Every structure is written in C-alpha cells, then in structure tokens.
Amino acid sequence: MFVATVVLSVLLAFVFGAGAAGKLTKARSEAGKASKLKIPWPRYRLIAVPEAAASAGLLAGLAVAPLGIAAAAGLVALMAGALAFRLRVRDAIVFLAGDAALLVLAAVTATLRAVTA
C-alpha cells in the first residue's frame, strides 16, 4: 500500500506544483481560468500558495506521515472550494469531473498515508 501512497503523492505533487507555477508565472491558461471563474487575477494568483505548500507537504509527507496526511487533507478542502466555484459559474461537466477526481485522489492519498504511517 505504501507504493500506492508514493505514486499518488508524487502525482498530486506534480499536478498541483505545476498549477502553482502556472499561477505564479501568469500562464495564459491560468489567466483564462481566473476570468472564466470570475475571480480577479490578484486573488486567483493566491491559490498558488496552498498548491505549492501541498506539493511540498505531500513529498515531505512520505517521510513524516502527519505532514503528508495534512497536505492531502488540505487538497481535499482546496478542491471542494474549486468545485464550488465551478458550480457557481455553471462550468462544463468535464471540468467539474476533473476537479472531483482530484478531490477523490487527495482523499485516497490522505487515507492511504494514514494507514501506512
């Protein structure tokens, strides 16, 4: 089970690390998302902070279990917020499904890390 925890932690760290980098560099796709979700860019850019922290926490959490659990749980909360914003603007189902999948993966990662601690 620890192998699954490692795979999911690294995958989520990559996805959210890339998202944080995109927000910090104002990638065109991130600016478009902010506009679509009707969030002012300065506020949307702040989402990079928990994304980067979660990425680092997931990787460090492979050595320190409570840190990994907290990082994955934080991603669950972050993705719940993302889903709420997508629902608010009536975004396409494919984007809702993608965010829901990331939420589930983060929940599974938190659970696996707790079990393998």
PDB file of N, CA and C in Angstrom:
ATOM      1  N   MET A   1       0.805  -1.197   0.000  1.00  0.00           N
ATOM      2  CA  MET A   1       0.000   0.000   0.000  1.00  0.00           C
ATOM      3  C   MET A   1       0.849   1.263   0.000  1.00  0.00           C
ATOM      4  N   PHE A   2       2.052   1.158   0.571  1.00  0.00           N
ATOM      5  CA  PHE A   2       2.900   2.348   0.597  1.00  0.00           C
ATOM      6  C   PHE A   2       3.298   2.766  -0.812  1.00  0.00           C
ATOM      7  N   VAL A   3       3.457   1.790  -1.711  1.00  0.00           N
ATOM      8  CA  VAL A   3       3.805   2.126  -3.098  1.00  0.00           C
ATOM      9  C   VAL A   3       2.694   2.971  -3.727  1.00  0.00           C
ATOM     10  N   ALA A   4       1.455   2.605  -3.477  1.00  0.00           N
ATOM     11  CA  ALA A   4       0.320   3.385  -3.992  1.00  0.00           C
ATOM     12  C   ALA A   4       0.334   4.793  -3.393  1.00  0.00           C
ATOM     13  N   THR A   5       0.669   4.900  -2.126  1.00  0.00           N
ATOM     14  CA  THR A   5       0.759   6.206  -1.471  1.00  0.00           C
ATOM     15  C   THR A   5       1.825   7.065  -2.133  1.00  0.00           C
ATOM     16  N   VAL A   6       2.963   6.459  -2.418  1.00  0.00           N
ATOM     17  CA  VAL A   6       4.060   7.193  -3.067  1.00  0.00           C
ATOM     18  C   VAL A   6       3.634   7.667  -4.455  1.00  0.00           C
ATOM     19  N   VAL A   7       3.041   6.767  -5.227  1.00  0.00           N
ATOM     20  CA  VAL A   7       2.614   7.116  -6.594  1.00  0.00           C
ATOM     21  C   VAL A   7       1.604   8.259  -6.569  1.00  0.00           C
ATOM     22  N   LEU A   8       0.585   8.149  -5.718  1.00  0.00           N
ATOM     23  CA  LEU A   8      -0.436   9.195  -5.652  1.00  0.00           C
ATOM     24  C   LEU A   8       0.139  10.510  -5.130  1.00  0.00           C
ATOM     25  N   SER A   9       1.008  10.433  -4.138  1.00  0.00           N
ATOM     26  CA  SER A   9       1.605  11.659  -3.584  1.00  0.00           C
ATOM     27  C   SER A   9       2.445  12.382  -4.628  1.00  0.00           C
ATOM     28  N   VAL A  10       3.251  11.636  -5.359  1.00  0.00           N
ATOM     29  CA  VAL A  10       4.093  12.245  -6.396  1.00  0.00           C
ATOM     30  C   VAL A  10       3.226  12.809  -7.526  1.00  0.00           C
ATOM     31  N   LEU A  11       2.206  12.078  -7.919  1.00  0.00           N
ATOM     32  CA  LEU A  11       1.301  12.548  -8.979  1.00  0.00           C
ATOM     33  C   LEU A  11       0.621  13.848  -8.564  1.00  0.00           C
ATOM     34  N   LEU A  12       0.052  13.877  -7.362  1.00  0.00           N
ATOM     35  CA  LEU A  12      -0.621  15.092  -6.896  1.00  0.00           C
ATOM     36  C   LEU A  12       0.368  16.243  -6.711  1.00  0.00           C
ATOM     37  N   ALA A  13       1.563  15.933  -6.216  1.00  0.00           N
ATOM     38  CA  ALA A  13       2.576  16.977  -6.051  1.00  0.00           C
ATOM     39  C   ALA A  13       2.933  17.591  -7.405  1.00  0.00           C
ATOM     40  N   PHE A  14       3.038  16.754  -8.424  1.00  0.00           N
ATOM     41  CA  PHE A  14       3.343  17.260  -9.762  1.00  0.00           C
ATOM     42  C   PHE A  14       2.201  18.133 -10.290  1.00  0.00           C
ATOM     43  N   VAL A  15       0.976  17.638 -10.190  1.00  0.00           N
ATOM     44  CA  VAL A  15      -0.184  18.368 -10.729  1.00  0.00           C
ATOM     45  C   VAL A  15      -0.335  19.728 -10.045  1.00  0.00           C
ATOM     46  N   PHE A  16      -0.288  19.733  -8.709  1.00  0.00           N
ATOM     47  CA  PHE A  16      -0.510  20.993  -8.003  1.00  0.00           C
ATOM     48  C   PHE A  16       0.729  21.885  -8.022  1.00  0.00           C
ATOM     49  N   GLY A  17       1.912  21.306  -8.113  1.00  0.00           N
ATOM     50  CA  GLY A  17       3.120  22.112  -8.282  1.00  0.00           C
ATOM     51  C   GLY A  17       3.109  22.836  -9.618  1.00  0.00           C
ATOM     52  N   ALA A  18       2.674  22.130 -10.652  1.00  0.00           N
ATOM     53  CA  ALA A  18       2.574  22.754 -11.975  1.00  0.00           C
ATOM     54  C   ALA A  18       1.512  23.848 -11.972  1.00  0.00           C
ATOM     55  N   GLY A  19       0.408  23.595 -11.289  1.00  0.00           N
ATOM     56  CA  GLY A  19      -0.642  24.614 -11.183  1.00  0.00           C
ATOM     57  C   GLY A  19      -0.141  25.855 -10.470  1.00  0.00           C
ATOM     58  N   ALA A  20       0.611  25.655  -9.398  1.00  0.00           N
ATOM     59  CA  ALA A  20       1.169  26.794  -8.662  1.00  0.00           C
ATOM     60  C   ALA A  20       2.146  27.573  -9.540  1.00  0.00           C
ATOM     61  N   ALA A  21       2.982  26.860 -10.272  1.00  0.00           N
ATOM     62  CA  ALA A  21       3.940  27.521 -11.164  1.00  0.00           C
ATOM     63  C   ALA A  21       3.207  28.331 -12.237  1.00  0.00           C
ATOM     64  N   GLY A  22       2.136  27.771 -12.769  1.00  0.00           N
ATOM     65  CA  GLY A  22       1.361  28.486 -13.775  1.00  0.00           C
ATOM     66  C   GLY A  22       0.742  29.764 -13.238  1.00  0.00           C
ATOM     67  N   LYS A  23       0.283  29.704 -12.015  1.00  0.00           N
ATOM     68  CA  LYS A  23      -0.305  30.895 -11.407  1.00  0.00           C
ATOM     69  C   LYS A  23       0.771  31.947 -11.113  1.00  0.00           C
ATOM     70  N   LEU A  24       1.917  31.503 -10.652  1.00  0.00           N
ATOM     71  CA  LEU A  24       2.986  32.451 -10.324  1.00  0.00           C
ATOM     72  C   LEU A  24       3.571  33.114 -11.565  1.00  0.00           C
ATOM     73  N   THR A  25       3.554  32.409 -12.702  1.00  0.00           N
ATOM     74  CA  THR A  25       4.096  32.968 -13.938  1.00  0.00           C
ATOM     75  C   THR A  25       3.012  33.572 -14.831  1.00  0.00           C
ATOM     76  N   LYS A  26       1.770  33.561 -14.344  1.00  0.00           N
ATOM     77  CA  LYS A  26       0.613  34.075 -15.082  1.00  0.00           C
ATOM     78  C   LYS A  26       0.504  33.427 -16.463  1.00  0.00           C
ATOM     79  N   ALA A  27       0.522  32.099 -16.441  1.00  0.00           N
ATOM     80  CA  ALA A  27       0.341  31.345 -17.686  1.00  0.00           C
ATOM     81  C   ALA A  27      -1.019  31.700 -18.290  1.00  0.00           C
ATOM     82  N   ARG A  28      -1.065  31.720 -19.595  1.00  0.00           N
ATOM     83  CA  ARG A  28      -2.280  32.098 -20.301  1.00  0.00           C
ATOM     84  C   ARG A  28      -3.474  31.238 -19.870  1.00  0.00           C
ATOM     85  N   SER A  29      -3.253  29.939 -19.693  1.00  0.00           N
ATOM     86  CA  SER A  29      -4.354  29.052 -19.308  1.00  0.00           C
ATOM     87  C   SER A  29      -4.881  29.406 -17.917  1.00  0.00           C
ATOM     88  N   GLU A  30      -3.993  29.794 -17.019  1.00  0.00           N
ATOM     89  CA  GLU A  30      -4.427  30.160 -15.662  1.00  0.00           C
ATOM     90  C   GLU A  30      -5.178  31.494 -15.668  1.00  0.00           C
ATOM     91  N   ALA A  31      -4.714  32.440 -16.468  1.00  0.00           N
ATOM     92  CA  ALA A  31      -5.410  33.726 -16.568  1.00  0.00           C
ATOM     93  C   ALA A  31      -6.808  33.523 -17.147  1.00  0.00           C
ATOM     94  N   GLY A  32      -6.907  32.613 -18.112  1.00  0.00           N
ATOM     95  CA  GLY A  32      -8.219  32.302 -18.692  1.00  0.00           C
ATOM     96  C   GLY A  32      -9.153  31.658 -17.681  1.00  0.00           C
ATOM     97  N   LYS A  33      -8.600  30.769 -16.856  1.00  0.00           N
ATOM     98  CA  LYS A  33      -9.408  30.133 -15.805  1.00  0.00           C
ATOM     99  C   LYS A  33      -9.920  31.156 -14.811  1.00  0.00           C
ATOM    100  N   ALA A  34      -9.065  32.082 -14.417  1.00  0.00           N
ATOM    101  CA  ALA A  34      -9.471  33.116 -13.467  1.00  0.00           C
ATOM    102  C   ALA A  34     -10.619  33.930 -14.032  1.00  0.00           C
ATOM    103  N   SER A  35     -10.509  34.275 -15.288  1.00  0.00           N
ATOM    104  CA  SER A  35     -11.558  35.044 -15.943  1.00  0.00           C
ATOM    105  C   SER A  35     -12.852  34.244 -16.023  1.00  0.00           C
ATOM    106  N   LYS A  36     -12.742  32.990 -16.415  1.00  0.00           N
ATOM    107  CA  LYS A  36     -13.915  32.132 -16.556  1.00  0.00           C
ATOM    108  C   LYS A  36     -14.630  31.932 -15.220  1.00  0.00           C
ATOM    109  N   LEU A  37     -13.843  31.825 -14.151  1.00  0.00           N
ATOM    110  CA  LEU A  37     -14.424  31.618 -12.823  1.00  0.00           C
ATOM    111  C   LEU A  37     -14.819  32.931 -12.145  1.00  0.00           C
ATOM    112  N   LYS A  38     -14.579  34.036 -12.833  1.00  0.00           N
ATOM    113  CA  LYS A  38     -14.923  35.375 -12.347  1.00  0.00           C
ATOM    114  C   LYS A  38     -14.223  35.702 -11.023  1.00  0.00           C
ATOM    115  N   ILE A  39     -12.928  35.382 -10.994  1.00  0.00           N
ATOM    116  CA  ILE A  39     -12.099  35.684  -9.828  1.00  0.00           C
ATOM    117  C   ILE A  39     -11.038  36.676 -10.292  1.00  0.00           C
ATOM    118  N   PRO A  40     -10.907  37.812  -9.609  1.00  0.00           N
ATOM    119  CA  PRO A  40      -9.865  38.774 -10.005  1.00  0.00           C
ATOM    120  C   PRO A  40      -8.483  38.117  -9.948  1.00  0.00           C
ATOM    121  N   TRP A  41      -7.637  38.449 -10.924  1.00  0.00           N
ATOM    122  CA  TRP A  41      -6.336  37.800 -11.023  1.00  0.00           C
ATOM    123  C   TRP A  41      -5.521  37.867  -9.724  1.00  0.00           C
ATOM    124  N   PRO A  42      -5.411  39.009  -9.055  1.00  0.00           N
ATOM    125  CA  PRO A  42      -4.596  39.028  -7.821  1.00  0.00           C
ATOM    126  C   PRO A  42      -5.101  38.017  -6.772  1.00  0.00           C
ATOM    127  N   ARG A  43      -6.397  37.851  -6.683  1.00  0.00           N
ATOM    128  CA  ARG A  43      -6.945  36.890  -5.725  1.00  0.00           C
ATOM    129  C   ARG A  43      -6.723  35.458  -6.222  1.00  0.00           C
ATOM    130  N   TYR A  44      -6.944  35.234  -7.511  1.00  0.00           N
ATOM    131  CA  TYR A  44      -6.768  33.883  -8.076  1.00  0.00           C
ATOM    132  C   TYR A  44      -5.323  33.422  -7.931  1.00  0.00           C
ATOM    133  N   ARG A  45      -4.405  34.354  -8.109  1.00  0.00           N
ATOM    134  CA  ARG A  45      -2.981  34.021  -8.027  1.00  0.00           C
ATOM    135  C   ARG A  45      -2.588  33.514  -6.636  1.00  0.00           C
ATOM    136  N   LEU A  46      -3.315  33.928  -5.609  1.00  0.00           N
ATOM    137  CA  LEU A  46      -3.027  33.493  -4.245  1.00  0.00           C
ATOM    138  C   LEU A  46      -3.258  31.997  -4.044  1.00  0.00           C
ATOM    139  N   ILE A  47      -4.014  31.376  -4.931  1.00  0.00           N
ATOM    140  CA  ILE A  47      -4.248  29.933  -4.832  1.00  0.00           C
ATOM    141  C   ILE A  47      -2.936  29.175  -4.993  1.00  0.00           C
ATOM    142  N   ALA A  48      -1.941  29.801  -5.576  1.00  0.00           N
ATOM    143  CA  ALA A  48      -0.627  29.161  -5.734  1.00  0.00           C
ATOM    144  C   ALA A  48       0.000  28.825  -4.384  1.00  0.00           C
ATOM    145  N   VAL A  49      -0.313  29.589  -3.358  1.00  0.00           N
ATOM    146  CA  VAL A  49       0.304  29.369  -2.045  1.00  0.00           C
ATOM    147  C   VAL A  49      -0.096  28.005  -1.467  1.00  0.00           C
ATOM    148  N   PRO A  50      -1.400  27.701  -1.328  1.00  0.00           N
ATOM    149  CA  PRO A  50      -1.731  26.369  -0.800  1.00  0.00           C
ATOM    150  C   PRO A  50      -1.354  25.239  -1.758  1.00  0.00           C
ATOM    151  N   GLU A  51      -1.379  25.515  -3.059  1.00  0.00           N
ATOM    152  CA  GLU A  51      -0.978  24.468  -4.007  1.00  0.00           C
ATOM    153  C   GLU A  51       0.501  24.115  -3.836  1.00  0.00           C
ATOM    154  N   ALA A  52       1.339  25.126  -3.741  1.00  0.00           N
ATOM    155  CA  ALA A  52       2.776  24.877  -3.561  1.00  0.00           C
ATOM    156  C   ALA A  52       3.055  24.230  -2.207  1.00  0.00           C
ATOM    157  N   ALA A  53       2.369  24.691  -1.177  1.00  0.00           N
ATOM    158  CA  ALA A  53       2.557  24.106   0.155  1.00  0.00           C
ATOM    159  C   ALA A  53       2.118  22.641   0.171  1.00  0.00           C
ATOM    160  N   ALA A  54       1.017  22.345  -0.485  1.00  0.00           N
ATOM    161  CA  ALA A  54       0.544  20.961  -0.533  1.00  0.00           C
ATOM    162  C   ALA A  54       1.514  20.081  -1.317  1.00  0.00           C
ATOM    163  N   SER A  55       2.064  20.604  -2.405  1.00  0.00           N
ATOM    164  CA  SER A  55       3.034  19.840  -3.189  1.00  0.00           C
ATOM    165  C   SER A  55       4.245  19.476  -2.342  1.00  0.00           C
ATOM    166  N   ALA A  56       4.767  20.461  -1.650  1.00  0.00           N
ATOM    167  CA  ALA A  56       5.928  20.205  -0.785  1.00  0.00           C
ATOM    168  C   ALA A  56       5.548  19.278   0.365  1.00  0.00           C
ATOM    169  N   GLY A  57       4.370  19.492   0.935  1.00  0.00           N
ATOM    170  CA  GLY A  57       3.919  18.667   2.044  1.00  0.00           C
ATOM    171  C   GLY A  57       3.692  17.220   1.664  1.00  0.00           C
ATOM    172  N   LEU A  58       3.187  16.989   0.467  1.00  0.00           N
ATOM    173  CA  LEU A  58       2.983  15.612   0.010  1.00  0.00           C
ATOM    174  C   LEU A  58       4.310  14.876  -0.118  1.00  0.00           C
ATOM    175  N   LEU A  59       5.302  15.556  -0.653  1.00  0.00           N
ATOM    176  CA  LEU A  59       6.607  14.914  -0.820  1.00  0.00           C
ATOM    177  C   LEU A  59       7.306  14.719   0.527  1.00  0.00           C
ATOM    178  N   ALA A  60       7.278  15.739   1.362  1.00  0.00           N
ATOM    179  CA  ALA A  60       7.880  15.603   2.695  1.00  0.00           C
ATOM    180  C   ALA A  60       7.087  14.606   3.536  1.00  0.00           C
ATOM    181  N   GLY A  61       5.807  14.504   3.253  1.00  0.00           N
ATOM    182  CA  GLY A  61       4.943  13.597   3.986  1.00  0.00           C
ATOM    183  C   GLY A  61       5.239  12.132   3.753  1.00  0.00           C
ATOM    184  N   LEU A  62       6.025  11.834   2.749  1.00  0.00           N
ATOM    185  CA  LEU A  62       6.435  10.440   2.546  1.00  0.00           C
ATOM    186  C   LEU A  62       7.390  10.014   3.657  1.00  0.00           C
ATOM    187  N   ALA A  63       8.081  10.982   4.259  1.00  0.00           N
ATOM    188  CA  ALA A  63       8.980  10.692   5.377  1.00  0.00           C
ATOM    189  C   ALA A  63       8.309  10.964   6.725  1.00  0.00           C
ATOM    190  N   VAL A  64       7.452  11.979   6.769  1.00  0.00           N
ATOM    191  CA  VAL A  64       6.767  12.378   8.009  1.00  0.00           C
ATOM    192  C   VAL A  64       5.266  12.260   7.756  1.00  0.00           C
ATOM    193  N   ALA A  65       4.692  11.157   8.183  1.00  0.00           N
ATOM    194  CA  ALA A  65       3.300  10.834   7.859  1.00  0.00           C
ATOM    195  C   ALA A  65       2.295  11.943   8.183  1.00  0.00           C
ATOM    196  N   PRO A  66       2.324  12.556   9.363  1.00  0.00           N
ATOM    197  CA  PRO A  66       1.318  13.587   9.651  1.00  0.00           C
ATOM    198  C   PRO A  66       1.345  14.748   8.657  1.00  0.00           C
ATOM    199  N   LEU A  67       2.515  15.072   8.152  1.00  0.00           N
ATOM    200  CA  LEU A  67       2.636  16.144   7.171  1.00  0.00           C
ATOM    201  C   LEU A  67       1.961  15.749   5.855  1.00  0.00           C
ATOM    202  N   GLY A  68       2.169  14.510   5.422  1.00  0.00           N
ATOM    203  CA  GLY A  68       1.525  14.025   4.203  1.00  0.00           C
ATOM    204  C   GLY A  68       0.018  13.972   4.333  1.00  0.00           C
ATOM    205  N   ILE A  69      -0.451  13.537   5.487  1.00  0.00           N
ATOM    206  CA  ILE A  69      -1.897  13.469   5.727  1.00  0.00           C
ATOM    207  C   ILE A  69      -2.492  14.875   5.696  1.00  0.00           C
ATOM    208  N   ALA A  70      -1.841  15.814   6.369  1.00  0.00           N
ATOM    209  CA  ALA A  70      -2.331  17.194   6.401  1.00  0.00           C
ATOM    210  C   ALA A  70      -2.329  17.826   5.009  1.00  0.00           C
ATOM    211  N   ALA A  71      -1.281  17.573   4.239  1.00  0.00           N
ATOM    212  CA  ALA A  71      -1.201  18.140   2.886  1.00  0.00           C
ATOM    213  C   ALA A  71      -2.315  17.591   2.004  1.00  0.00           C
ATOM    214  N   ALA A  72      -2.546  16.286   2.064  1.00  0.00           N
ATOM    215  CA  ALA A  72      -3.600  15.682   1.253  1.00  0.00           C
ATOM    216  C   ALA A  72      -4.978  16.164   1.705  1.00  0.00           C
ATOM    217  N   ALA A  73      -5.173  16.293   3.010  1.00  0.00           N
ATOM    218  CA  ALA A  73      -6.453  16.799   3.523  1.00  0.00           C
ATOM    219  C   ALA A  73      -6.665  18.252   3.088  1.00  0.00           C
ATOM    220  N   GLY A  74      -5.594  19.027   3.077  1.00  0.00           N
ATOM    221  CA  GLY A  74      -5.694  20.403   2.594  1.00  0.00           C
ATOM    222  C   GLY A  74      -6.110  20.466   1.131  1.00  0.00           C
ATOM    223  N   LEU A  75      -5.606  19.525   0.340  1.00  0.00           N
ATOM    224  CA  LEU A  75      -6.007  19.476  -1.074  1.00  0.00           C
ATOM    225  C   LEU A  75      -7.478  19.114  -1.221  1.00  0.00           C
ATOM    226  N   VAL A  76      -7.981  18.272  -0.334  1.00  0.00           N
ATOM    227  CA  VAL A  76      -9.418  17.945  -0.370  1.00  0.00           C
ATOM    228  C   VAL A  76     -10.224  19.229  -0.175  1.00  0.00           C
ATOM    229  N   ALA A  77      -9.845  20.027   0.816  1.00  0.00           N
ATOM    230  CA  ALA A  77     -10.541  21.294   1.062  1.00  0.00           C
ATOM    231  C   ALA A  77     -10.393  22.252  -0.115  1.00  0.00           C
ATOM    232  N   LEU A  78      -9.188  22.336  -0.669  1.00  0.00           N
ATOM    233  CA  LEU A  78      -8.945  23.217  -1.810  1.00  0.00           C
ATOM    234  C   LEU A  78      -9.813  22.823  -3.002  1.00  0.00           C
ATOM    235  N   MET A  79      -9.897  21.533  -3.267  1.00  0.00           N
ATOM    236  CA  MET A  79     -10.677  21.073  -4.414  1.00  0.00           C
ATOM    237  C   MET A  79     -12.179  21.199  -4.161  1.00  0.00           C
ATOM    238  N   ALA A  80     -12.602  21.110  -2.923  1.00  0.00           N
ATOM    239  CA  ALA A  80     -14.014  21.362  -2.608  1.00  0.00           C
ATOM    240  C   ALA A  80     -14.356  22.813  -2.952  1.00  0.00           C
ATOM    241  N   GLY A  81     -13.443  23.718  -2.627  1.00  0.00           N
ATOM    242  CA  GLY A  81     -13.634  25.115  -3.000  1.00  0.00           C
ATOM    243  C   GLY A  81     -13.637  25.320  -4.505  1.00  0.00           C
ATOM    244  N   ALA A  82     -12.750  24.616  -5.197  1.00  0.00           N
ATOM    245  CA  ALA A  82     -12.704  24.720  -6.662  1.00  0.00           C
ATOM    246  C   ALA A  82     -14.021  24.243  -7.272  1.00  0.00           C
ATOM    247  N   LEU A  83     -14.540  23.148  -6.751  1.00  0.00           N
ATOM    248  CA  LEU A  83     -15.829  22.644  -7.249  1.00  0.00           C
ATOM    249  C   LEU A  83     -16.945  23.656  -7.000  1.00  0.00           C
ATOM    250  N   ALA A  84     -16.932  24.288  -5.845  1.00  0.00           N
ATOM    251  CA  ALA A  84     -17.959  25.291  -5.530  1.00  0.00           C
ATOM    252  C   ALA A  84     -17.902  26.448  -6.526  1.00  0.00           C
ATOM    253  N   PHE A  85     -16.693  26.896  -6.853  1.00  0.00           N
ATOM    254  CA  PHE A  85     -16.569  27.994  -7.815  1.00  0.00           C
ATOM    255  C   PHE A  85     -17.016  27.560  -9.206  1.00  0.00           C
ATOM    256  N   ARG A  86     -16.687  26.335  -9.595  1.00  0.00           N
ATOM    257  CA  ARG A  86     -17.113  25.857 -10.918  1.00  0.00           C
ATOM    258  C   ARG A  86     -18.629  25.717 -10.984  1.00  0.00           C
ATOM    259  N   LEU A  87     -19.237  25.272  -9.909  1.00  0.00           N
ATOM    260  CA  LEU A  87     -20.699  25.176  -9.869  1.00  0.00           C
ATOM    261  C   LEU A  87     -21.335  26.557  -9.930  1.00  0.00           C
ATOM    262  N   ARG A  88     -20.719  27.515  -9.270  1.00  0.00           N
ATOM    263  CA  ARG A  88     -21.244  28.883  -9.231  1.00  0.00           C
ATOM    264  C   ARG A  88     -21.344  29.493 -10.626  1.00  0.00           C
ATOM    265  N   VAL A  89     -20.367  29.198 -11.485  1.00  0.00           N
ATOM    266  CA  VAL A  89     -20.388  29.764 -12.838  1.00  0.00           C
ATOM    267  C   VAL A  89     -20.965  28.784 -13.862  1.00  0.00           C
ATOM    268  N   ARG A  90     -21.494  27.662 -13.355  1.00  0.00           N
ATOM    269  CA  ARG A  90     -22.089  26.626 -14.222  1.00  0.00           C
ATOM    270  C   ARG A  90     -21.101  26.167 -15.298  1.00  0.00           C
ATOM    271  N   ASP A  91     -19.916  25.784 -14.838  1.00  0.00           N
ATOM    272  CA  ASP A  91     -18.866  25.336 -15.745  1.00  0.00           C
ATOM    273  C   ASP A  91     -19.229  23.974 -16.340  1.00  0.00           C
ATOM    274  N   ALA A  92     -18.544  23.606 -17.395  1.00  0.00           N
ATOM    275  CA  ALA A  92     -18.801  22.347 -18.089  1.00  0.00           C
ATOM    276  C   ALA A  92     -18.553  21.152 -17.175  1.00  0.00           C
ATOM    277  N   ILE A  93     -19.310  20.105 -17.390  1.00  0.00           N
ATOM    278  CA  ILE A  93     -19.235  18.905 -16.556  1.00  0.00           C
ATOM    279  C   ILE A  93     -17.845  18.271 -16.583  1.00  0.00           C
ATOM    280  N   VAL A  94     -17.151  18.383 -17.697  1.00  0.00           N
ATOM    281  CA  VAL A  94     -15.818  17.789 -17.786  1.00  0.00           C
ATOM    282  C   VAL A  94     -14.858  18.432 -16.781  1.00  0.00           C
ATOM    283  N   PHE A  95     -14.989  19.746 -16.546  1.00  0.00           N
ATOM    284  CA  PHE A  95     -14.133  20.425 -15.576  1.00  0.00           C
ATOM    285  C   PHE A  95     -14.542  20.076 -14.146  1.00  0.00           C
ATOM    286  N   LEU A  96     -15.837  19.951 -13.928  1.00  0.00           N
ATOM    287  CA  LEU A  96     -16.317  19.513 -12.616  1.00  0.00           C
ATOM    288  C   LEU A  96     -15.806  18.110 -12.306  1.00  0.00           C
ATOM    289  N   ALA A  97     -15.876  17.233 -13.301  1.00  0.00           N
ATOM    290  CA  ALA A  97     -15.425  15.848 -13.108  1.00  0.00           C
ATOM    291  C   ALA A  97     -13.922  15.804 -12.830  1.00  0.00           C
ATOM    292  N   GLY A  98     -13.152  16.625 -13.521  1.00  0.00           N
ATOM    293  CA  GLY A  98     -11.706  16.666 -13.296  1.00  0.00           C
ATOM    294  C   GLY A  98     -11.366  17.113 -11.882  1.00  0.00           C
ATOM    295  N   ASP A  99     -12.041  18.173 -11.424  1.00  0.00           N
ATOM    296  CA  ASP A  99     -11.796  18.640 -10.060  1.00  0.00           C
ATOM    297  C   ASP A  99     -12.269  17.619  -9.031  1.00  0.00           C
ATOM    298  N   ALA A 100     -13.394  16.970  -9.305  1.00  0.00           N
ATOM    299  CA  ALA A 100     -13.893  15.931  -8.392  1.00  0.00           C
ATOM    300  C   ALA A 100     -12.922  14.759  -8.328  1.00  0.00           C
ATOM    301  N   ALA A 101     -12.336  14.408  -9.458  1.00  0.00           N
ATOM    302  CA  ALA A 101     -11.366  13.311  -9.481  1.00  0.00           C
ATOM    303  C   ALA A 101     -10.140  13.660  -8.646  1.00  0.00           C
ATOM    304  N   LEU A 102      -9.664  14.894  -8.742  1.00  0.00           N
ATOM    305  CA  LEU A 102      -8.516  15.318  -7.934  1.00  0.00           C
ATOM    306  C   LEU A 102      -8.867  15.316  -6.447  1.00  0.00           C
ATOM    307  N   LEU A 103     -10.101  15.715  -6.129  1.00  0.00           N
ATOM    308  CA  LEU A 103     -10.547  15.679  -4.738  1.00  0.00           C
ATOM    309  C   LEU A 103     -10.523  14.246  -4.212  1.00  0.00           C
ATOM    310  N   VAL A 104     -11.048  13.313  -4.995  1.00  0.00           N
ATOM    311  CA  VAL A 104     -11.082  11.906  -4.581  1.00  0.00           C
ATOM    312  C   VAL A 104      -9.662  11.355  -4.440  1.00  0.00           C
ATOM    313  N   LEU A 105      -8.788  11.672  -5.392  1.00  0.00           N
ATOM    314  CA  LEU A 105      -7.396  11.204  -5.308  1.00  0.00           C
ATOM    315  C   LEU A 105      -6.707  11.745  -4.053  1.00  0.00           C
ATOM    316  N   ALA A 106      -6.978  12.993  -3.709  1.00  0.00           N
ATOM    317  CA  ALA A 106      -6.385  13.562  -2.499  1.00  0.00           C
ATOM    318  C   ALA A 106      -6.931  12.866  -1.252  1.00  0.00           C
ATOM    319  N   ALA A 107      -8.223  12.562  -1.240  1.00  0.00           N
ATOM    320  CA  ALA A 107      -8.820  11.860  -0.095  1.00  0.00           C
ATOM    321  C   ALA A 107      -8.242  10.455   0.041  1.00  0.00           C
ATOM    322  N   VAL A 108      -8.080   9.777  -1.087  1.00  0.00           N
ATOM    323  CA  VAL A 108      -7.496   8.433  -1.068  1.00  0.00           C
ATOM    324  C   VAL A 108      -6.046   8.501  -0.583  1.00  0.00           C
ATOM    325  N   THR A 109      -5.315   9.506  -1.030  1.00  0.00           N
ATOM    326  CA  THR A 109      -3.920   9.672  -0.607  1.00  0.00           C
ATOM    327  C   THR A 109      -3.842   9.907   0.901  1.00  0.00           C
ATOM    328  N   ALA A 110      -4.707  10.757   1.430  1.00  0.00           N
ATOM    329  CA  ALA A 110      -4.713  11.009   2.873  1.00  0.00           C
ATOM    330  C   ALA A 110      -5.011   9.730   3.644  1.00  0.00           C
ATOM    331  N   THR A 111      -5.980   8.981   3.153  1.00  0.00           N
ATOM    332  CA  THR A 111      -6.351   7.725   3.817  1.00  0.00           C
ATOM    333  C   THR A 111      -5.212   6.714   3.761  1.00  0.00           C
ATOM    334  N   LEU A 112      -4.630   6.552   2.587  1.00  0.00           N
ATOM    335  CA  LEU A 112      -3.520   5.591   2.455  1.00  0.00           C
ATOM    336  C   LEU A 112      -2.337   5.998   3.329  1.00  0.00           C
ATOM    337  N   ARG A 113      -2.040   7.292   3.378  1.00  0.00           N
ATOM    338  CA  ARG A 113      -0.897   7.734   4.188  1.00  0.00           C
ATOM    339  C   ARG A 113      -1.170   7.490   5.667  1.00  0.00           C
ATOM    340  N   ALA A 114      -2.418   7.653   6.088  1.00  0.00           N
ATOM    341  CA  ALA A 114      -2.769   7.391   7.477  1.00  0.00           C
ATOM    342  C   ALA A 114      -2.638   5.896   7.789  1.00  0.00           C
ATOM    343  N   VAL A 115      -3.032   5.064   6.854  1.00  0.00           N
ATOM    344  CA  VAL A 115      -2.979   3.604   7.058  1.00  0.00           C
ATOM    345  C   VAL A 115      -1.535   3.101   7.050  1.00  0.00           C
ATOM    346  N   THR A 116      -0.689   3.709   6.236  1.00  0.00           N
ATOM    347  CA  THR A 116       0.693   3.224   6.112  1.00  0.00           C
ATOM    348  C   THR A 116       1.665   3.930   7.070  1.00  0.00           C
ATOM    349  N   ALA A 117       1.143   4.794   7.922  1.00  0.00           N
ATOM    350  CA  ALA A 117       2.013   5.535   8.846  1.00  0.00           C
ATOM    351  C   ALA A 117       2.692   4.620   9.848  1.00  0.00           C
TER     352      ALA A 117
END
